[in-house]
Protein backbone atom coordinates (compact mmCIF):
# COMPACT_ATOMS: atom_id res chain seq x y z
CA MET A 1 76.83 204.06 -83.18
CA ARG A 2 80.45 204.54 -82.07
CA ALA A 3 81.14 204.14 -78.37
CA ASP A 4 83.14 206.76 -76.47
CA PHE A 5 86.14 205.31 -74.67
CA LEU A 6 87.31 207.43 -71.77
CA LEU A 7 90.58 207.17 -69.90
CA TRP A 8 89.27 205.93 -66.56
CA SER A 9 92.04 206.84 -64.19
CA GLY A 10 95.40 208.38 -63.58
CA VAL A 11 98.61 206.61 -62.67
CA LEU A 12 100.49 205.71 -59.52
CA LEU A 13 104.22 205.28 -59.00
CA ILE A 14 103.54 201.88 -57.52
CA GLY A 15 106.35 200.50 -55.42
CA LEU A 16 108.80 203.34 -56.00
CA THR A 17 108.36 205.06 -52.67
CA MET A 18 109.10 203.36 -49.37
CA GLY A 19 108.19 204.10 -45.81
CA ALA A 20 111.17 205.56 -44.06
CA CYS A 21 113.09 204.85 -40.93
CA GLY A 22 115.74 207.36 -41.86
CA GLY A 23 119.16 207.56 -40.28
CA ASP A 24 121.99 205.43 -41.56
CA ASN A 25 120.00 202.46 -42.93
CA THR A 26 121.05 200.18 -40.09
CA GLY A 27 119.17 198.81 -37.12
CA SER A 28 115.64 197.46 -36.95
CA PRO A 29 112.08 198.70 -36.29
CA GLY A 30 111.57 199.35 -32.62
CA SER A 31 115.26 199.98 -31.92
CA ASP A 32 117.24 202.89 -33.26
CA ALA A 33 116.48 204.52 -36.62
CA GLY A 34 117.68 203.18 -39.88
CA VAL A 35 115.63 200.53 -41.70
CA ILE A 36 114.00 201.12 -45.06
CA LEU A 37 110.50 199.70 -44.68
CA ASP A 38 109.67 197.93 -47.93
CA GLY A 39 107.64 194.85 -47.09
CA GLY A 40 104.01 193.93 -46.59
CA GLY A 41 102.51 191.99 -43.76
CA GLY A 42 99.39 192.20 -41.69
CA ASP A 43 96.13 194.03 -42.03
CA GLY A 44 96.48 197.78 -41.45
CA GLY A 45 93.41 197.80 -39.21
CA VAL A 46 95.03 195.69 -36.47
CA PRO A 47 96.42 197.84 -33.64
CA PRO A 48 99.98 197.02 -32.57
CA GLY A 49 99.98 194.47 -29.77
CA ASP A 50 96.68 192.85 -30.82
CA GLY A 51 98.19 189.95 -32.74
CA GLY A 52 100.52 189.42 -35.65
CA PRO A 53 100.11 189.93 -39.38
CA GLN A 54 96.84 188.81 -40.95
CA GLU A 55 95.90 187.53 -44.40
CA PRO A 56 95.92 190.07 -47.26
CA PRO A 57 92.53 191.77 -47.81
CA VAL A 58 90.08 191.52 -50.72
CA ALA A 59 89.54 194.44 -53.10
CA SER A 60 86.34 196.33 -52.25
CA GLY A 61 85.92 198.57 -55.29
CA CYS A 62 85.96 201.74 -53.17
CA ASP A 63 87.22 205.06 -54.59
CA VAL A 64 90.42 206.48 -53.03
CA ALA A 65 90.23 209.93 -54.60
CA LYS A 66 86.56 210.47 -53.66
CA GLN A 67 86.71 208.46 -50.41
CA THR A 68 83.47 206.67 -51.19
CA GLY A 69 82.41 203.05 -50.89
CA CYS A 70 83.56 202.35 -47.30
CA GLY A 71 81.73 202.13 -44.00
CA ALA A 72 82.00 204.33 -40.92
CA GLY A 73 85.48 204.27 -39.42
CA GLU A 74 87.01 202.91 -42.65
CA THR A 75 89.32 204.58 -45.16
CA CYS A 76 89.66 203.64 -48.83
CA LEU A 77 93.33 203.05 -49.66
CA ARG A 78 95.40 201.18 -52.16
CA GLY A 79 96.20 197.78 -50.67
CA THR A 80 98.30 194.66 -51.22
CA LEU A 81 96.00 191.74 -52.08
CA ALA A 82 96.32 187.98 -51.82
CA GLY A 83 98.69 186.78 -54.53
CA GLY A 84 100.69 190.01 -54.47
CA GLY A 85 98.40 192.16 -56.61
CA GLN A 86 97.03 195.56 -55.65
CA GLY A 87 93.55 197.04 -55.43
CA ASN A 88 91.43 199.57 -53.58
CA VAL A 89 90.47 198.33 -50.12
CA CYS A 90 88.45 199.61 -47.14
CA PHE A 91 90.72 199.59 -44.07
CA ALA A 92 89.59 200.26 -40.50
CA ALA A 93 91.98 202.12 -38.20
CA GLU A 94 92.18 204.48 -35.24
CA CYS A 95 92.55 207.59 -37.40
CA ASP A 96 92.97 209.07 -40.90
CA VAL A 97 96.41 210.38 -41.99
CA VAL A 98 94.88 212.85 -44.48
CA ALA A 99 91.94 214.08 -42.38
CA GLN A 100 94.11 214.19 -39.23
CA ASN A 101 91.10 213.44 -37.04
CA CYS A 102 92.89 212.70 -33.78
CA ALA A 103 92.10 214.61 -30.61
CA VAL A 104 93.72 218.00 -30.03
CA GLY A 105 97.39 217.53 -29.20
CA SER A 106 97.75 214.38 -31.32
CA ARG A 107 98.56 213.58 -34.93
CA CYS A 108 97.71 210.52 -37.04
CA THR A 109 100.63 208.57 -38.50
CA TYR A 110 101.83 205.03 -39.19
CA VAL A 111 103.19 203.40 -36.04
CA THR A 112 105.15 200.13 -35.96
CA ARG A 113 105.28 197.88 -32.92
CA GLY A 114 106.84 194.45 -33.36
CA ASP A 115 105.74 193.12 -36.75
CA VAL A 116 102.54 195.18 -37.04
CA THR A 117 102.12 198.70 -38.44
CA ALA A 118 98.88 200.67 -38.07
CA ARG A 119 97.51 204.20 -38.26
CA ARG A 120 97.46 205.57 -34.73
CA CYS A 121 97.31 208.85 -32.84
CA VAL A 122 100.61 210.00 -31.31
CA PRO A 123 101.60 213.29 -29.62
CA THR A 124 101.70 216.20 -32.07
CA GLY A 125 104.97 217.39 -30.53
CA SER A 126 106.69 214.27 -31.85
CA GLY A 127 106.34 215.60 -35.41
CA THR A 128 108.19 218.82 -36.17
CA VAL A 129 109.80 218.33 -39.62
CA ALA A 130 108.20 220.27 -42.47
CA GLU A 131 107.24 219.03 -45.94
CA GLY A 132 110.32 218.49 -48.11
CA ALA A 133 112.78 218.54 -45.20
CA SER A 134 115.03 215.68 -44.04
CA CYS A 135 113.41 213.30 -41.57
CA ALA A 136 113.94 210.10 -39.58
CA SER A 137 112.07 207.61 -37.39
CA THR A 138 112.81 206.73 -33.78
CA ALA A 139 111.60 204.28 -31.13
CA THR A 140 109.75 205.28 -27.98
CA VAL A 141 110.23 203.77 -24.52
CA ASP A 142 106.93 201.92 -25.06
CA GLY A 143 108.29 200.17 -28.14
CA ASP A 144 106.48 202.23 -30.78
CA PHE A 145 108.39 203.31 -33.89
CA TYR A 146 107.31 206.30 -36.01
CA ASP A 147 108.69 209.31 -37.89
CA ASN A 148 109.20 212.94 -36.88
CA CYS A 149 107.28 214.63 -39.72
CA GLN A 150 104.58 217.23 -39.09
CA PRO A 151 100.91 216.12 -39.08
CA GLY A 152 99.73 214.89 -42.49
CA LEU A 153 103.24 214.01 -43.71
CA ALA A 154 105.19 210.76 -44.14
CA CYS A 155 108.95 210.21 -44.00
CA THR A 156 109.84 208.46 -47.28
CA SER A 157 112.79 207.41 -49.40
CA GLN A 158 112.50 206.59 -53.09
CA GLU A 159 114.41 203.81 -54.83
CA THR A 160 116.83 204.80 -57.58
CA PRO A 161 117.40 202.87 -60.85
CA SER A 162 120.83 201.79 -59.57
CA GLY A 163 119.29 200.05 -56.56
CA GLY A 164 120.08 202.77 -54.04
CA SER A 165 117.70 205.23 -52.43
CA THR A 166 117.17 208.96 -52.15
CA PRO A 167 117.50 210.85 -48.83
CA TYR A 168 114.53 210.60 -46.48
CA THR A 169 112.17 213.57 -46.71
CA CYS A 170 108.66 214.36 -45.48
CA LYS A 171 105.96 214.03 -48.17
CA ARG A 172 102.28 214.89 -47.88
CA PHE A 173 99.65 212.15 -47.58
CA CYS A 174 96.88 212.59 -50.16
CA TYR A 175 93.82 210.97 -51.75
CA GLY A 176 93.74 213.03 -54.96
CA GLY A 177 95.66 215.72 -56.80
CA GLU A 178 93.77 218.53 -55.08
CA GLY A 179 95.60 217.59 -51.88
CA CYS A 180 99.01 218.38 -53.41
CA ARG A 181 100.84 221.58 -54.19
CA ALA A 182 101.41 222.16 -57.93
CA PRO A 183 103.24 220.85 -59.87
CA GLN A 184 103.07 217.77 -57.66
CA ASP A 185 100.31 215.19 -58.01
CA CYS A 186 98.96 212.39 -55.79
CA VAL A 187 100.84 209.68 -57.69
CA GLU A 188 103.23 207.93 -55.30
CA VAL A 189 102.52 204.95 -53.07
CA VAL A 190 104.25 204.30 -49.74
CA ARG A 191 105.07 200.78 -48.52
CA PHE A 192 105.50 199.96 -44.82
CA THR A 193 106.36 196.68 -43.15
CA GLY A 194 103.60 195.13 -41.10
CA THR A 195 100.61 196.40 -43.09
CA ASN A 196 98.86 195.79 -46.40
CA GLU A 197 97.94 199.47 -46.65
CA LEU A 198 99.61 201.44 -49.46
CA PRO A 199 98.87 205.10 -48.70
CA ARG A 200 99.42 207.72 -51.38
CA VAL A 201 101.68 210.76 -51.08
CA CYS A 202 102.33 213.81 -53.27
CA GLY A 203 105.25 213.59 -55.68
CA ALA A 204 106.54 214.51 -59.11
CA PRO A 205 104.19 213.20 -61.83
CA GLY A 206 106.99 211.50 -63.75
CA ALA A 207 108.89 212.16 -66.98
CA ALA A 208 106.87 212.98 -70.10
CA CYS A 209 106.74 210.32 -72.80
CA ASP A 210 104.90 209.04 -75.90
CA VAL A 211 102.32 206.34 -75.07
CA LEU A 212 102.51 204.86 -78.57
CA ALA A 213 106.31 204.85 -78.88
CA GLN A 214 106.85 204.00 -75.18
CA GLY A 215 110.62 204.43 -74.54
CA CYS A 216 110.65 204.60 -70.72
CA ALA A 217 113.46 202.77 -68.94
CA SER A 218 112.44 199.47 -67.29
CA PRO A 219 110.68 198.87 -64.90
CA LEU A 220 108.77 201.95 -66.05
CA ALA A 221 106.40 202.27 -69.00
CA CYS A 222 104.51 205.17 -70.58
CA TYR A 223 100.86 205.63 -69.61
CA PRO A 224 98.28 208.36 -70.31
CA SER A 225 96.99 210.25 -67.27
CA PRO A 226 94.19 212.85 -67.23
CA GLN A 227 95.97 214.67 -64.39
CA SER A 228 99.58 214.54 -65.55
CA GLY A 229 99.54 213.86 -69.30
CA ASN A 230 101.66 211.00 -70.65
CA VAL A 231 104.17 209.93 -67.97
CA CYS A 232 106.72 207.22 -67.21
CA VAL A 233 105.61 205.21 -64.16
CA THR A 234 105.97 201.69 -62.78
CA ALA A 235 104.50 199.20 -65.24
CA GLY A 236 101.62 196.87 -64.40
CA ALA A 237 100.86 193.43 -65.79
CA LEU A 238 97.08 193.16 -66.33
CA GLY A 239 96.04 192.01 -69.81
CA ALA A 240 93.33 193.22 -72.19
CA GLY A 241 89.84 192.95 -70.72
CA GLN A 242 90.96 192.59 -67.10
CA THR A 243 89.44 194.86 -64.47
CA CYS A 244 91.66 197.80 -63.45
CA THR A 245 91.75 200.84 -61.21
CA TYR A 246 94.77 202.79 -62.49
CA SER A 247 96.22 202.89 -65.98
CA ASN A 248 99.52 201.44 -64.83
CA ASP A 249 97.71 198.44 -63.39
CA CYS A 250 97.75 197.42 -67.08
CA ALA A 251 100.65 195.99 -69.08
CA PRO A 252 102.89 198.41 -71.05
CA GLY A 253 101.24 199.68 -74.21
CA SER A 254 97.76 199.66 -72.68
CA ALA A 255 95.61 201.77 -70.35
CA CYS A 256 92.62 201.56 -68.02
CA VAL A 257 89.49 202.80 -69.84
CA SER A 258 85.76 202.86 -69.12
CA GLU A 259 83.43 200.73 -71.20
CA GLY A 260 80.00 201.57 -69.86
CA ALA A 261 80.03 200.49 -66.22
CA ARG A 262 83.22 198.44 -66.64
CA PHE A 263 86.80 199.62 -66.16
CA VAL A 264 89.19 197.42 -68.09
CA CYS A 265 92.66 197.36 -69.64
CA ARG A 266 92.79 197.88 -73.41
CA ALA A 267 95.78 198.00 -75.75
CA LEU A 268 96.63 201.43 -77.15
CA CYS A 269 96.72 202.04 -80.91
CA ARG A 270 97.22 204.92 -83.34
CA SER A 271 93.91 206.51 -84.29
CA PRO A 272 92.46 206.55 -86.86
CA SER A 273 95.18 204.34 -88.39
CA GLY A 274 98.90 203.68 -88.35
CA SER A 275 101.40 201.98 -86.08
CA PRO A 276 100.91 200.51 -83.57
CA SER A 277 97.73 198.91 -84.85
CA CYS A 278 95.43 196.39 -83.19
CA ALA A 279 96.41 192.72 -83.33
CA SER A 280 92.67 192.03 -83.18
CA GLY A 281 89.51 194.07 -82.98
CA ARG A 282 89.29 197.71 -84.02
CA CYS A 283 90.96 200.95 -82.94
CA GLU A 284 88.50 203.39 -81.37
CA PRO A 285 89.58 206.95 -80.45
CA LEU A 286 90.42 207.63 -76.83
CA GLN A 287 88.81 210.88 -75.72
CA ASN A 288 91.12 213.78 -74.87
CA ALA A 289 94.11 211.94 -76.37
CA SER A 290 94.73 213.18 -79.90
CA GLY A 291 95.87 210.45 -82.28
CA VAL A 292 95.54 207.73 -79.62
CA GLY A 293 92.93 204.97 -79.54
CA VAL A 294 92.20 201.72 -77.78
CA CYS A 295 91.75 198.27 -79.28
CA VAL A 296 88.27 196.90 -78.63
CA PRO A 297 86.73 193.55 -79.72
């Protein structure tokens, strides 16, 4: 009996969006505004002032979109793992940037102090910039450094192919596409210095493409997504048979599919026959993707 191979997950624009400090791109965290935050350091659950960066976390297998698989006081987020890879991780913190569960008069956002960044509650009045508007980050007299976006938003700047960056604007934190305003989708990942957390924000789903012909400009590749169709996004590197969470965890020309209880990368092929074909194994149709299949042993 033929197995049904389902596209397991959507895609993320991994590494294309950076946490903002706004301003003129000069200065340093904790002083005046201006640094693009693009690194990774300590554990996001460590409050500023309680020690320096910690070791990268271990993937937990939790579900970001459904917010399941974590304990009380934890949030499932994309995270930077040991060795530089990425996975879904349960992070503990003071508050939730999507749920905005701080006390009345406060908002939840990412706050940097020294070399540590964490989700913390800050005065609501410090965030006045609306979604899509220009934003910046400033330091407080206590040494905290955070942006001026309204609750539930992040000040971000996206890298350009030429190595520059787009203007800083407020984007909405999200867990899944239902948290975004159409035609946006929950596909971008924000990087901050001083934390291994990689929160998601709403953004454009990416340029349309052909998953069998590819054709996206490097470092992008074409991946199928149940939310956005076939789109150009940052390419992954996982090989056939390796466990995955998002389709662009996998190397170009492949996707993350479900095989029973497993979620693994499989090479894409033309179904029922044609080019590209499978170097080994057989080409089985991928559901809801006309003419596209996956190579299985």
